[in-house]
C-alpha atoms as a PDB file:
ATOM      1  CA  MET A   1      27.325   4.392 -36.375  1.00  0.00           C
ATOM      2  CA  ASN A   2      26.415   2.051 -33.877  1.00  0.00           C
ATOM      3  CA  CYS A   3      25.174   3.343 -30.268  1.00  0.00           C
ATOM      4  CA  PRO A   4      27.824   4.858 -28.168  1.00  0.00           C
ATOM      5  CA  THR A   5      28.522   2.483 -25.095  1.00  0.00           C
ATOM      6  CA  GLY A   6      28.068   4.301 -21.346  1.00  0.00           C
ATOM      7  CA  ARG A   7      25.532   5.039 -19.049  1.00  0.00           C
ATOM      8  CA  VAL A   8      22.360   6.754 -20.424  1.00  0.00           C
ATOM      9  CA  ALA A   9      21.530   9.295 -18.484  1.00  0.00           C
ATOM     10  CA  TRP A  10      17.523  10.181 -18.103  1.00  0.00           C
ATOM     11  CA  GLN A  11      15.628  12.656 -16.616  1.00  0.00           C
ATOM     12  CA  ARG A  12      12.018  13.150 -17.758  1.00  0.00           C
ATOM     13  CA  PRO A  13      11.242  17.025 -19.201  1.00  0.00           C
ATOM     14  CA  TRP A  14       8.499  18.863 -17.238  1.00  0.00           C
ATOM     15  CA  ALA A  15       7.321  20.476 -20.280  1.00  0.00           C
ATOM     16  CA  ASP A  16       4.169  17.977 -20.058  1.00  0.00           C
ATOM     17  CA  ARG A  17       3.696  19.426 -16.483  1.00  0.00           C
ATOM     18  CA  GLU A  18       4.073  23.431 -17.624  1.00  0.00           C
ATOM     19  CA  ALA A  19       1.630  22.610 -20.802  1.00  0.00           C
ATOM     20  CA  GLY A  20      -0.981  21.264 -18.152  1.00  0.00           C
ATOM     21  CA  ARG A  21      -0.614  24.695 -16.098  1.00  0.00           C
ATOM     22  CA  GLY A  22      -1.248  26.239 -19.215  1.00  0.00           C
ATOM     23  CA  ARG A  23      -4.386  24.504 -20.183  1.00  0.00           C
ATOM     24  CA  MET A  24      -6.116  25.054 -16.384  1.00  0.00           C
ATOM     25  CA  GLN A  25      -5.041  28.810 -16.930  1.00  0.00           C
ATOM     26  CA  GLN A  26      -6.994  28.383 -20.455  1.00  0.00           C
ATOM     27  CA  GLU A  27     -10.046  27.054 -18.731  1.00  0.00           C
ATOM     28  CA  THR A  28     -10.058  29.526 -16.270  1.00  0.00           C
ATOM     29  CA  GLU A  29      -9.981  32.451 -18.758  1.00  0.00           C
ATOM     30  CA  ILE A  30     -12.770  30.754 -20.649  1.00  0.00           C
ATOM     31  CA  ARG A  31     -14.837  30.663 -17.472  1.00  0.00           C
ATOM     32  CA  GLN A  32     -13.939  34.004 -16.399  1.00  0.00           C
ATOM     33  CA  ALA A  33     -15.197  35.457 -19.762  1.00  0.00           C
ATOM     34  CA  LEU A  34     -18.637  33.241 -19.633  1.00  0.00           C
ATOM     35  CA  ALA A  35     -19.052  34.876 -16.117  1.00  0.00           C
ATOM     36  CA  ARG A  36     -18.642  38.285 -17.593  1.00  0.00           C
ATOM     37  CA  VAL A  37     -21.246  37.547 -20.284  1.00  0.00           C
ATOM     38  CA  ALA A  38     -23.535  36.017 -17.831  1.00  0.00           C
ATOM     39  CA  SER A  39     -23.501  39.157 -15.755  1.00  0.00           C
ATOM     40  CA  GLY A  40     -24.226  41.088 -18.573  1.00  0.00           C
ATOM     41  CA  ASP A  41     -26.944  43.071 -20.258  1.00  0.00           C
ATOM     42  CA  ALA A  42     -28.405  40.692 -23.301  1.00  0.00           C
ATOM     43  CA  PRO A  43     -31.009  38.098 -21.391  1.00  0.00           C
ATOM     44  CA  ILE A  44     -30.432  35.588 -24.296  1.00  0.00           C
ATOM     45  CA  LEU A  45     -26.592  35.392 -23.969  1.00  0.00           C
ATOM     46  CA  ARG A  46     -26.556  35.457 -20.509  1.00  0.00           C
ATOM     47  CA  GLY A  47     -29.032  32.587 -20.168  1.00  0.00           C
ATOM     48  CA  PHE A  48     -26.937  30.304 -22.631  1.00  0.00           C
ATOM     49  CA  ALA A  49     -23.478  31.749 -20.820  1.00  0.00           C
ATOM     50  CA  LEU A  50     -24.739  30.529 -17.664  1.00  0.00           C
ATOM     51  CA  TRP A  51     -25.807  27.121 -18.833  1.00  0.00           C
ATOM     52  CA  LEU A  52     -22.442  26.807 -20.727  1.00  0.00           C
ATOM     53  CA  LEU A  53     -20.465  27.410 -17.135  1.00  0.00           C
ATOM     54  CA  ASP A  54     -22.451  24.030 -16.315  1.00  0.00           C
ATOM     55  CA  ASN A  55     -21.973  22.393 -19.631  1.00  0.00           C
ATOM     56  CA  LEU A  56     -18.520  23.582 -21.048  1.00  0.00           C
ATOM     57  CA  ALA A  57     -17.198  19.663 -21.949  1.00  0.00           C
ATOM     58  CA  ALA A  58     -20.524  20.062 -24.490  1.00  0.00           C
ATOM     59  CA  VAL A  59     -18.799  22.807 -26.855  1.00  0.00           C
ATOM     60  CA  ALA A  60     -16.094  20.216 -27.665  1.00  0.00           C
ATOM     61  CA  PHE A  61     -17.947  17.677 -29.370  1.00  0.00           C
ATOM     62  CA  ASN A  62     -20.908  19.207 -30.865  1.00  0.00           C
ATOM     63  CA  SER A  63     -22.148  21.444 -33.921  1.00  0.00           C
ATOM     64  CA  ILE A  64     -23.457  24.712 -33.579  1.00  0.00           C
ATOM     65  CA  ARG A  65     -27.080  22.999 -34.013  1.00  0.00           C
ATOM     66  CA  SER A  66     -26.513  20.226 -31.770  1.00  0.00           C
ATOM     67  CA  LEU A  67     -25.036  22.486 -28.798  1.00  0.00           C
ATOM     68  CA  ALA A  68     -28.048  24.876 -29.340  1.00  0.00           C
ATOM     69  CA  ALA A  69     -30.561  22.106 -29.360  1.00  0.00           C
ATOM     70  CA  GLN A  70     -29.150  20.838 -25.893  1.00  0.00           C
ATOM     71  CA  ALA A  71     -29.082  24.229 -24.263  1.00  0.00           C
ATOM     72  CA  GLY A  72     -32.462  25.168 -25.728  1.00  0.00           C
ATOM     73  CA  THR A  73     -31.263  28.287 -27.705  1.00  0.00           C
ATOM     74  CA  ASN A  74     -30.800  29.032 -31.175  1.00  0.00           C
ATOM     75  CA  PRO A  75     -27.590  28.833 -33.711  1.00  0.00           C
ATOM     76  CA  ASN A  76     -27.258  32.579 -34.130  1.00  0.00           C
ATOM     77  CA  THR A  77     -27.106  32.870 -30.214  1.00  0.00           C
ATOM     78  CA  VAL A  78     -24.348  30.162 -30.035  1.00  0.00           C
ATOM     79  CA  THR A  79     -22.136  31.979 -32.861  1.00  0.00           C
ATOM     80  CA  ARG A  80     -23.146  35.591 -30.898  1.00  0.00           C
ATOM     81  CA  LEU A  81     -21.619  34.132 -27.521  1.00  0.00           C
ATOM     82  CA  ALA A  82     -18.537  32.913 -29.153  1.00  0.00           C
ATOM     83  CA  ARG A  83     -17.588  36.119 -30.852  1.00  0.00           C
ATOM     84  CA  GLU A  84     -18.805  38.002 -27.542  1.00  0.00           C
ATOM     85  CA  LEU A  85     -15.984  35.874 -25.794  1.00  0.00           C
ATOM     86  CA  GLY A  86     -13.326  36.921 -28.456  1.00  0.00           C
ATOM     87  CA  TYR A  87     -13.004  33.993 -30.692  1.00  0.00           C
ATOM     88  CA  ASP A  88     -13.600  34.634 -34.581  1.00  0.00           C
ATOM     89  CA  GLY A  89     -16.296  32.085 -34.327  1.00  0.00           C
ATOM     90  CA  TYR A  90     -17.914  28.955 -33.138  1.00  0.00           C
ATOM     91  CA  ASP A  91     -15.430  26.654 -34.665  1.00  0.00           C
ATOM     92  CA  SER A  92     -12.093  28.548 -32.864  1.00  0.00           C
ATOM     93  CA  PHE A  93     -14.011  28.458 -29.661  1.00  0.00           C
ATOM     94  CA  ARG A  94     -14.762  24.589 -29.973  1.00  0.00           C
ATOM     95  CA  ALA A  95     -11.286  23.983 -30.738  1.00  0.00           C
ATOM     96  CA  ALA A  96      -9.990  25.979 -27.507  1.00  0.00           C
ATOM     97  CA  VAL A  97     -12.561  24.145 -25.494  1.00  0.00           C
ATOM     98  CA  ARG A  98     -11.747  20.597 -26.764  1.00  0.00           C
ATOM     99  CA  GLU A  99      -8.020  21.444 -26.039  1.00  0.00           C
ATOM    100  CA  VAL A 100      -9.170  22.019 -22.514  1.00  0.00           C
ATOM    101  CA  VAL A 101     -11.556  19.048 -22.234  1.00  0.00           C
ATOM    102  CA  GLN A 102      -9.469  16.653 -23.916  1.00  0.00           C
ATOM    103  CA  ARG A 103      -6.766  16.378 -21.321  1.00  0.00           C
ATOM    104  CA  ARG A 104      -8.840  17.686 -17.945  1.00  0.00           C
ATOM    105  CA  ASN A 105      -8.754  14.352 -16.336  1.00  0.00           C
ATOM    106  CA  SER A 106      -5.489  12.634 -17.130  1.00  0.00           C
ATOM    107  CA  ARG A 107      -6.003  10.191 -13.930  1.00  0.00           C
ATOM    108  CA  TYR A 108      -7.933   7.341 -15.215  1.00  0.00           C
ATOM    109  CA  GLY A 109      -9.562   6.859 -12.154  1.00  0.00           C
ATOM    110  CA  GLU A 110     -11.120  10.550 -12.016  1.00  0.00           C
ATOM    111  CA  ARG A 111     -11.984   9.409 -16.107  1.00  0.00           C
ATOM    112  CA  ALA A 112     -13.868   6.302 -15.056  1.00  0.00           C
ATOM    113  CA  GLN A 113     -15.270   8.486 -12.116  1.00  0.00           C
ATOM    114  CA  ALA A 114     -16.805  10.789 -14.545  1.00  0.00           C
ATOM    115  CA  LEU A 115     -18.672   8.027 -16.377  1.00  0.00           C
ATOM    116  CA  ARG A 116     -20.799   7.261 -12.983  1.00  0.00           C
ATOM    117  CA  HIS A 117     -24.359   7.760 -13.193  1.00  0.00           C
ATOM    118  CA  ARG A 118     -24.148   8.703 -17.208  1.00  0.00           C
ATOM    119  CA  SER A 119     -26.487   6.718 -19.332  1.00  0.00           C
ATOM    120  CA  GLY A 120     -25.519   4.549 -21.822  1.00  0.00           C
ATOM    121  CA  ALA A 121     -26.943   6.558 -24.638  1.00  0.00           C
ATOM    122  CA  ASP A 122     -25.305   9.659 -23.441  1.00  0.00           C
ATOM    123  CA  ILE A 123     -21.885   7.958 -23.059  1.00  0.00           C
ATOM    124  CA  TRP A 124     -22.588   6.240 -26.940  1.00  0.00           C
ATOM    125  CA  GLU A 125     -23.428   9.911 -28.195  1.00  0.00           C
ATOM    126  CA  GLU A 126     -20.337  11.858 -26.799  1.00  0.00           C
ATOM    127  CA  ALA A 127     -18.218   8.699 -27.909  1.00  0.00           C
ATOM    128  CA  LEU A 128     -19.366   9.067 -31.508  1.00  0.00           C
ATOM    129  CA  ALA A 129     -18.883  12.912 -31.527  1.00  0.00           C
ATOM    130  CA  ALA A 130     -15.340  12.727 -30.149  1.00  0.00           C
ATOM    131  CA  ASN A 131     -14.247  10.032 -32.291  1.00  0.00           C
ATOM    132  CA  LEU A 132     -15.740  12.017 -35.690  1.00  0.00           C
ATOM    133  CA  VAL A 133     -13.307  15.052 -34.497  1.00  0.00           C
ATOM    134  CA  ASN A 134     -10.423  12.566 -33.633  1.00  0.00           C
ATOM    135  CA  VAL A 135     -10.765  11.197 -37.042  1.00  0.00           C
ATOM    136  CA  GLU A 136     -11.317  14.604 -38.543  1.00  0.00           C
ATOM    137  CA  ALA A 137      -8.336  16.360 -37.085  1.00  0.00           C
ATOM    138  CA  LEU A 138      -5.951  13.040 -38.080  1.00  0.00           C
ATOM    139  CA  PHE A 139      -7.266  13.318 -41.837  1.00  0.00           C
ATOM    140  CA  SER A 140      -6.680  17.112 -41.835  1.00  0.00           C
ATOM    141  CA  ALA A 141      -4.565  18.847 -44.709  1.00  0.00           C
ATOM    142  CA  GLU A 142      -1.740  19.028 -41.785  1.00  0.00           C
ATOM    143  CA  GLY A 143      -2.144  15.781 -40.679  1.00  0.00           C
ATOM    144  CA  THR A 144      -2.043  14.032 -43.662  1.00  0.00           C
ATOM    145  CA  GLU A 145       0.551  15.540 -45.191  1.00  0.00           C
ATOM    146  CA  LEU A 146       2.809  14.929 -41.868  1.00  0.00           C
ATOM    147  CA  LEU A 147       1.911  11.434 -42.248  1.00  0.00           C
ATOM    148  CA  GLU A 148       2.946  11.371 -46.240  1.00  0.00           C
ATOM    149  CA  SER A 149       6.278  13.003 -45.217  1.00  0.00           C
ATOM    150  CA  CYS A 150       7.081   9.704 -43.213  1.00  0.00           C
ATOM    151  CA  VAL A 151       6.313   7.246 -45.776  1.00  0.00           C
ATOM    152  CA  GLU A 152       9.532   7.074 -47.958  1.00  0.00           C
ATOM    153  CA  PRO A 153      12.056   7.691 -44.842  1.00  0.00           C
ATOM    154  CA  LEU A 154      10.434   4.507 -43.268  1.00  0.00           C
ATOM    155  CA  LEU A 155      10.713   2.351 -46.766  1.00  0.00           C
ATOM    156  CA  LEU A 156      14.459   3.816 -47.233  1.00  0.00           C
ATOM    157  CA  ALA A 157      15.215   3.160 -43.381  1.00  0.00           C
ATOM    158  CA  ARG A 158      17.940   0.062 -42.649  1.00  0.00           C
ATOM    159  CA  ARG A 159      15.533  -0.804 -39.700  1.00  0.00           C
ATOM    160  CA  VAL A 160      12.038  -0.075 -38.178  1.00  0.00           C
ATOM    161  CA  HIS A 161      11.470  -0.470 -34.979  1.00  0.00           C
ATOM    162  CA  THR A 162       8.404   0.103 -32.957  1.00  0.00           C
ATOM    163  CA  ILE A 163       7.961   0.643 -29.107  1.00  0.00           C
ATOM    164  CA  GLY A 164       4.806   0.661 -27.037  1.00  0.00           C
ATOM    165  CA  VAL A 165       4.042  -1.386 -24.103  1.00  0.00           C
ATOM    166  CA  ARG A 166       0.771  -1.346 -21.897  1.00  0.00           C
ATOM    167  CA  SER A 167      -2.194  -0.431 -23.608  1.00  0.00           C
ATOM    168  CA  CYS A 168      -0.022   0.978 -26.472  1.00  0.00           C
ATOM    169  CA  PHE A 169       1.305  -2.343 -26.833  1.00  0.00           C
ATOM    170  CA  GLY A 170      -1.622  -3.460 -29.089  1.00  0.00           C
ATOM    171  CA  ILE A 171      -0.567  -0.527 -31.680  1.00  0.00           C
ATOM    172  CA  ALA A 172       2.707  -1.164 -31.591  1.00  0.00           C
ATOM    173  CA  HIS A 173       2.364  -4.904 -32.085  1.00  0.00           C
ATOM    174  CA  TYR A 174      -0.208  -4.319 -35.500  1.00  0.00           C
ATOM    175  CA  PHE A 175       2.230  -1.888 -36.724  1.00  0.00           C
ATOM    176  CA  SER A 176       5.442  -4.161 -36.388  1.00  0.00           C
ATOM    177  CA  TYR A 177       3.289  -7.385 -37.256  1.00  0.00           C
ATOM    178  CA  VAL A 178       1.855  -6.157 -40.219  1.00  0.00           C
ATOM    179  CA  GLY A 179       4.988  -4.126 -41.077  1.00  0.00           C
ATOM    180  CA  ALA A 180       7.258  -7.256 -40.998  1.00  0.00           C
ATOM    181  CA  ARG A 181       4.976  -9.338 -43.527  1.00  0.00           C
ATOM    182  CA  ALA A 182       4.822  -6.608 -45.692  1.00  0.00           C
ATOM    183  CA  PHE A 183       8.513  -5.344 -45.816  1.00  0.00           C
ATOM    184  CA  SER A 184      11.806  -6.489 -44.818  1.00  0.00           C
ATOM    185  CA  ASN A 185      13.006  -3.744 -42.996  1.00  0.00           C
ATOM    186  CA  PHE A 186      10.665  -3.886 -39.987  1.00  0.00           C
ATOM    187  CA  ILE A 187      11.601  -5.584 -36.870  1.00  0.00           C
ATOM    188  CA  GLU A 188       8.722  -6.973 -34.097  1.00  0.00           C
ATOM    189  CA  VAL A 189       7.949  -5.398 -31.605  1.00  0.00           C
ATOM    190  CA  PRO A 190      10.225  -6.493 -28.594  1.00  0.00           C
ATOM    191  CA  VAL A 191       8.135  -8.636 -26.017  1.00  0.00           C
ATOM    192  CA  THR A 192      10.687 -10.383 -23.341  1.00  0.00           C
ATOM    193  CA  PRO A 193      11.804  -8.573 -20.349  1.00  0.00           C
ATOM    194  CA  GLY A 194      14.905  -6.786 -21.362  1.00  0.00           C
ATOM    195  CA  ALA A 195      14.353  -7.162 -25.154  1.00  0.00           C
ATOM    196  CA  LEU A 196      13.339  -3.422 -25.632  1.00  0.00           C
ATOM    197  CA  LEU A 197      16.735  -2.287 -24.652  1.00  0.00           C
ATOM    198  CA  ASP A 198      18.401  -4.684 -26.154  1.00  0.00           C
ATOM    199  CA  GLN A 199      16.724  -3.775 -29.582  1.00  0.00           C
ATOM    200  CA  VAL A 200      16.732  -0.086 -29.158  1.00  0.00           C
ATOM    201  CA  SER A 201      20.765   0.127 -28.068  1.00  0.00           C
ATOM    202  CA  ALA A 202      21.601  -1.563 -31.629  1.00  0.00           C
ATOM    203  CA  ALA A 203      19.890   1.072 -33.424  1.00  0.00           C
ATOM    204  CA  THR A 204      21.680   3.285 -35.952  1.00  0.00           C
ATOM    205  CA  SER A 205      21.404   6.572 -37.829  1.00  0.00           C
ATOM    206  CA  GLU A 206      19.818   4.739 -40.408  1.00  0.00           C
ATOM    207  CA  ASP A 207      17.371   3.358 -38.463  1.00  0.00           C
ATOM    208  CA  ILE A 208      13.761   4.841 -37.385  1.00  0.00           C
ATOM    209  CA  VAL A 209      11.946   4.026 -33.794  1.00  0.00           C
ATOM    210  CA  VAL A 210       8.378   4.444 -33.656  1.00  0.00           C
ATOM    211  CA  ALA A 211       7.425   5.142 -30.192  1.00  0.00           C
ATOM    212  CA  ILE A 212       3.982   4.945 -29.145  1.00  0.00           C
ATOM    213  CA  SER A 213       2.760   6.385 -25.513  1.00  0.00           C
ATOM    214  CA  TYR A 214       0.372   8.850 -24.296  1.00  0.00           C
ATOM    215  CA  GLU A 215      -0.327  10.479 -20.542  1.00  0.00           C
ATOM    216  CA  HIS A 216       0.322   8.903 -18.522  1.00  0.00           C
ATOM    217  CA  TYR A 217       3.581   8.378 -20.438  1.00  0.00           C
ATOM    218  CA  SER A 218       5.197   4.917 -19.854  1.00  0.00           C
ATOM    219  CA  ALA A 219       8.768   5.256 -18.588  1.00  0.00           C
ATOM    220  CA  GLU A 220      10.563   2.485 -20.969  1.00  0.00           C
ATOM    221  CA  VAL A 221       9.033   4.194 -24.048  1.00  0.00           C
ATOM    222  CA  VAL A 222      10.423   7.481 -22.729  1.00  0.00           C
ATOM    223  CA  ARG A 223      13.661   5.935 -22.080  1.00  0.00           C
ATOM    224  CA  ALA A 224      13.853   3.990 -25.219  1.00  0.00           C
ATOM    225  CA  CYS A 225      13.527   7.334 -26.929  1.00  0.00           C
ATOM    226  CA  HIS A 226      16.456   8.431 -25.294  1.00  0.00           C
ATOM    227  CA  VAL A 227      18.677   5.556 -26.159  1.00  0.00           C
ATOM    228  CA  ALA A 228      17.313   5.821 -29.402  1.00  0.00           C
ATOM    229  CA  ARG A 229      18.303   9.496 -29.853  1.00  0.00           C
ATOM    230  CA  ARG A 230      21.847   8.620 -28.399  1.00  0.00           C
ATOM    231  CA  CYS A 231      22.370   6.070 -31.058  1.00  0.00           C
ATOM    232  CA  GLY A 232      21.750   8.426 -33.432  1.00  0.00           C
ATOM    233  CA  ALA A 233      18.242   7.255 -34.886  1.00  0.00           C
ATOM    234  CA  ARG A 234      15.260   9.227 -35.625  1.00  0.00           C
ATOM    235  CA  VAL A 235      12.433   8.968 -33.371  1.00  0.00           C
ATOM    236  CA  LEU A 236       9.073   8.942 -34.962  1.00  0.00           C
ATOM    237  CA  ALA A 237       6.802  10.040 -31.808  1.00  0.00           C
ATOM    238  CA  LEU A 238       2.938   9.103 -32.318  1.00  0.00           C
ATOM    239  CA  THR A 239       1.826  10.935 -28.681  1.00  0.00           C
ATOM    240  CA  ASP A 240      -0.803  12.910 -27.516  1.00  0.00           C
ATOM    241  CA  SER A 241       0.954  16.610 -27.030  1.00  0.00           C
ATOM    242  CA  HIS A 242       3.811  18.244 -28.679  1.00  0.00           C
ATOM    243  CA  SER A 243       4.843  18.912 -24.850  1.00  0.00           C
ATOM    244  CA  SER A 244       4.938  14.828 -24.531  1.00  0.00           C
ATOM    245  CA  PRO A 245       8.395  13.703 -23.556  1.00  0.00           C
ATOM    246  CA  LEU A 246       8.637  11.393 -26.673  1.00  0.00           C
ATOM    247  CA  ALA A 247       8.671  14.744 -28.449  1.00  0.00           C
ATOM    248  CA  GLN A 248      11.599  15.721 -27.258  1.00  0.00           C
ATOM    249  CA  ASP A 249      14.045  16.222 -30.424  1.00  0.00           C
ATOM    250  CA  ALA A 250      12.128  13.769 -32.251  1.00  0.00           C
ATOM    251  CA  TRP A 251      12.574  13.482 -35.938  1.00  0.00           C
ATOM    252  CA  LYS A 252       8.716  13.868 -36.469  1.00  0.00           C
ATOM    253  CA  VAL A 253       5.847  13.988 -34.159  1.00  0.00           C
ATOM    254  CA  VAL A 254       2.331  12.707 -35.153  1.00  0.00           C
ATOM    255  CA  ARG A 255       0.055  14.144 -32.219  1.00  0.00           C
ATOM    256  CA  LEU A 256      -2.753  11.768 -31.837  1.00  0.00           C
ATOM    257  CA  PRO A 257      -6.390  13.490 -30.758  1.00  0.00           C
ATOM    258  CA  MET A 258      -7.721  11.281 -28.386  1.00  0.00           C
ATOM    259  CA  SER A 259     -10.899  13.030 -26.990  1.00  0.00           C
ATOM    260  CA  GLY A 260     -13.544  10.870 -25.637  1.00  0.00           C
ATOM    261  CA  PRO A 261     -15.420   9.941 -22.639  1.00  0.00           C
ATOM    262  CA  GLN A 262     -13.383   6.400 -22.085  1.00  0.00           C
ATOM    263  CA  ILE A 263     -11.890   5.407 -19.037  1.00  0.00           C
ATOM    264  CA  MET A 264      -8.280   5.737 -20.948  1.00  0.00           C
ATOM    265  CA  PRO A 265      -7.733   8.121 -23.737  1.00  0.00           C
ATOM    266  CA  SER A 266      -9.069   7.029 -27.121  1.00  0.00           C
ATOM    267  CA  LEU A 267      -6.732   4.938 -29.234  1.00  0.00           C
ATOM    268  CA  THR A 268      -8.664   4.985 -32.429  1.00  0.00           C
ATOM    269  CA  SER A 269      -6.713   7.759 -34.015  1.00  0.00           C
ATOM    270  CA  ALA A 270      -3.997   6.011 -33.351  1.00  0.00           C
ATOM    271  CA  PHE A 271      -4.848   2.538 -34.956  1.00  0.00           C
ATOM    272  CA  ILE A 272      -5.882   4.655 -37.789  1.00  0.00           C
ATOM    273  CA  ALA A 273      -2.692   6.582 -38.320  1.00  0.00           C
ATOM    274  CA  VAL A 274      -0.582   3.307 -38.503  1.00  0.00           C
ATOM    275  CA  GLU A 275      -2.981   1.573 -40.860  1.00  0.00           C
ATOM    276  CA  LEU A 276      -2.582   4.441 -43.070  1.00  0.00           C
ATOM    277  CA  LEU A 277       1.195   4.357 -42.827  1.00  0.00           C
ATOM    278  CA  LEU A 278       1.327   1.046 -43.868  1.00  0.00           C
ATOM    279  CA  SER A 279      -1.122   1.308 -46.842  1.00  0.00           C
ATOM    280  CA  ALA A 280       0.707   4.205 -48.175  1.00  0.00           C
ATOM    281  CA  MET A 281       4.010   2.570 -47.612  1.00  0.00           C
ATOM    282  CA  ALA A 282       2.480  -0.587 -49.633  1.00  0.00           C
ATOM    283  CA  ALA A 283       1.612   1.564 -52.542  1.00  0.00           C
ATOM    284  CA  ARG A 284       4.846   2.915 -52.863  1.00  0.00           C
ATOM    285  CA  SER A 285       6.426  -0.691 -52.450  1.00  0.00           C
ATOM    286  CA  PRO A 286       7.622  -2.793 -55.476  1.00  0.00           C
ATOM    287  CA  ASP A 287       7.536  -5.855 -52.834  1.00  0.00           C
ATOM    288  CA  ALA A 288       5.112  -5.659 -50.620  1.00  0.00           C
ATOM    289  CA  ALA A 289       2.246  -7.507 -52.530  1.00  0.00           C
ATOM    290  CA  ALA A 290       4.929 -10.623 -53.149  1.00  0.00           C
ATOM    291  CA  ARG A 291       5.917 -10.505 -49.697  1.00  0.00           C
ATOM    292  CA  LEU A 292       2.340 -10.782 -48.154  1.00  0.00           C
ATOM    293  CA  LEU A 293       1.302 -13.223 -51.029  1.00  0.00           C
ATOM    294  CA  ALA A 294       4.158 -15.699 -49.934  1.00  0.00           C
ATOM    295  CA  PHE A 295       3.312 -15.346 -46.334  1.00  0.00           C
ATOM    296  CA  GLU A 296      -0.163 -16.329 -46.927  1.00  0.00           C
ATOM    297  CA  ARG A 297       0.786 -19.088 -49.013  1.00  0.00           C
ATOM    298  CA  ARG A 298       2.842 -20.327 -46.177  1.00  0.00           C
ATOM    299  CA  MET A 299      -0.062 -20.166 -43.624  1.00  0.00           C
ATOM    300  CA  GLU A 300      -2.337 -21.715 -45.857  1.00  0.00           C
ATOM    301  CA  ARG A 301       0.145 -24.509 -46.526  1.00  0.00           C
ATOM    302  CA  PHE A 302       1.033 -25.344 -43.131  1.00  0.00           C
ATOM    303  CA  GLY A 303      -2.520 -25.165 -41.693  1.00  0.00           C
ATOM    304  CA  GLY A 304      -2.208 -21.179 -40.116  1.00  0.00           C
ATOM    305  CA  TYR A 305      -5.310 -20.173 -41.627  1.00  0.00           C
ATOM    306  CA  ILE A 306      -8.598 -22.237 -41.504  1.00  0.00           C
ATOM    307  CA  PRO A 307     -10.431 -21.955 -44.890  1.00  0.00           C
ATOM    308  CA  GLY A 308     -13.981 -19.976 -44.523  1.00  0.00           C
ATOM    309  CA  ARG A 309     -17.088 -21.232 -45.811  1.00  0.00           C
END
């Protein structure tokens, strides 16, 4: 089925704003609970709660022992406080704080300002901890099961289109470039003005459109998703939240954990996600190895590759 003609009505959904309000409320509730403990009768918990009010983000990326060491307390106190706040334990407390911190500064200028006057070692340490957390989340049982469920449909699709612009263009290009070398149904990411709409408007119900974006969501990608759905194509959204406009009526949503102190949200998990999809597809494809070998031979024959020493 070809895409129906007629103007596509597009309006940005407001679910992401509502989610933003929810995160603000969640942080307020956490801080109110900490303030109650800080004014309580237990001296050890009181001191630790006061410290957390000034260092809440530290919870998101530290283990119990690491956080205890930074706060000058002991691991038992960390666990006690988490339970005093109403959580089952430290892991659930950390997950709640991580969700708040991950999207606290959505404006890039604010993220850059937050880096001012921090030491390099401090930034390296937080970036490492955050990326480890992001990768662990991607490799969770739920995460790998979701990626696995995408593999066979991608192999069987008539065409696989990939849409990503600005900072996400590199991920989209990598996925479509490697995919086109290994699989016959991949279309390389559009690069010329107007090509995005040209390509997506030709999609059918047998196609999959892989869309990549995060807050701030690129308008071109959001519109492309609307066009793809109108054409009957399945949208595989790689994005930062289930409230993302890319996730609206999507076939599948791969939520990318993007925590970290970087100027823009970390794209490490996005690159890993597309690499995992390509690798799993190659493992099931009878033709991928031969196509890649033929490509390499062409590059070597015509001087596209320079031999290493």
